[in-house]
Amino acid sequence: MPQSTHDRAAELHNLAAHAHAAAATAHGKGDHLTAHELSKQAHEHSMNVNKLVEELCTKAAGFQQKPKQST
């Protein structure tokens, strides 16, 4: 079954949050290379969420601007 855009955005938010938490843990352990890579992953997930949310907003604005057809 296809995943809704809302569900995908929520999943990416969760992935970004997890990557941020993992990066903080790695940084706290002195593993700065891993922390940096995880931070880059988190940023990528966040940017993908932003793209999806903009797409949702564009679609929503399109639905709101369409006049209702009378029958």
Protein backbone atom coordinates (compact mmCIF):
# COMPACT_ATOMS: atom_id res chain seq x y z
CA MET A 1 0.00 0.00 0.00
CA PRO A 2 1.43 3.43 -0.89
CA GLN A 3 2.50 5.63 1.99
CA SER A 4 0.77 8.98 2.35
CA THR A 5 2.84 12.13 2.10
CA HIS A 6 1.89 13.01 5.69
CA ASP A 7 3.09 9.63 6.94
CA ARG A 8 6.34 9.96 4.99
CA ALA A 9 6.94 13.44 6.43
CA ALA A 10 6.35 12.12 9.95
CA GLU A 11 8.74 9.23 9.31
CA LEU A 12 11.44 11.62 8.06
CA HIS A 13 10.94 13.83 11.13
CA ASN A 14 11.47 10.78 13.32
CA LEU A 15 14.57 9.72 11.36
CA ALA A 16 16.02 13.21 11.69
CA ALA A 17 15.35 13.24 15.44
CA HIS A 18 16.96 9.82 15.83
CA ALA A 19 20.02 10.89 13.82
CA HIS A 20 20.36 14.02 15.97
CA ALA A 21 20.18 11.96 19.16
CA ALA A 22 22.70 9.43 17.84
CA ALA A 23 25.01 12.24 16.77
CA ALA A 24 24.85 13.76 20.25
CA THR A 25 25.66 10.38 21.80
CA ALA A 26 28.59 9.84 19.43
CA HIS A 27 29.87 13.34 20.12
CA GLY A 28 29.63 12.73 23.85
CA LYS A 29 31.76 9.60 23.43
CA GLY A 30 34.39 11.59 21.53
CA ASP A 31 33.55 10.02 18.15
CA HIS A 32 33.39 13.28 16.26
CA LEU A 33 33.58 11.73 12.78
CA THR A 34 30.51 9.59 13.38
CA ALA A 35 28.75 12.53 15.01
CA HIS A 36 29.45 14.67 11.96
CA GLU A 37 28.12 12.00 9.57
CA LEU A 38 24.98 11.54 11.67
CA SER A 39 24.45 15.30 11.75
CA LYS A 40 24.68 15.36 7.96
CA GLN A 41 22.09 12.56 7.80
CA ALA A 42 19.78 14.46 10.14
CA HIS A 43 20.10 17.57 7.98
CA GLU A 44 19.30 15.57 4.84
CA HIS A 45 16.19 14.08 6.46
CA SER A 46 15.11 17.54 7.62
CA MET A 47 15.54 18.97 4.12
CA ASN A 48 13.47 16.10 2.68
CA VAL A 49 10.74 16.81 5.23
CA ASN A 50 10.79 20.48 4.26
CA LYS A 51 10.35 19.54 0.60
CA LEU A 52 7.40 17.25 1.39
CA VAL A 53 5.73 19.86 3.61
CA GLU A 54 6.07 22.51 0.91
CA GLU A 55 4.49 20.04 -1.53
CA LEU A 56 1.62 19.43 0.89
CA CYS A 57 1.08 23.16 1.36
CA THR A 58 1.03 23.73 -2.38
CA LYS A 59 -1.54 20.97 -2.84
CA ALA A 60 -3.65 22.27 0.05
CA ALA A 61 -3.58 25.80 -1.34
CA GLY A 62 -4.67 24.45 -4.72
CA PHE A 63 -7.62 22.63 -3.15
CA GLN A 64 -8.70 25.75 -1.26
CA GLN A 65 -8.54 27.99 -4.32
CA LYS A 66 -10.65 25.77 -6.58
CA PRO A 67 -14.23 27.04 -6.73
CA LYS A 68 -16.89 24.49 -5.86
CA GLN A 69 -18.84 23.33 -8.87
CA SER A 70 -22.59 23.47 -8.63
CA THR A 71 -24.65 20.58 -9.91
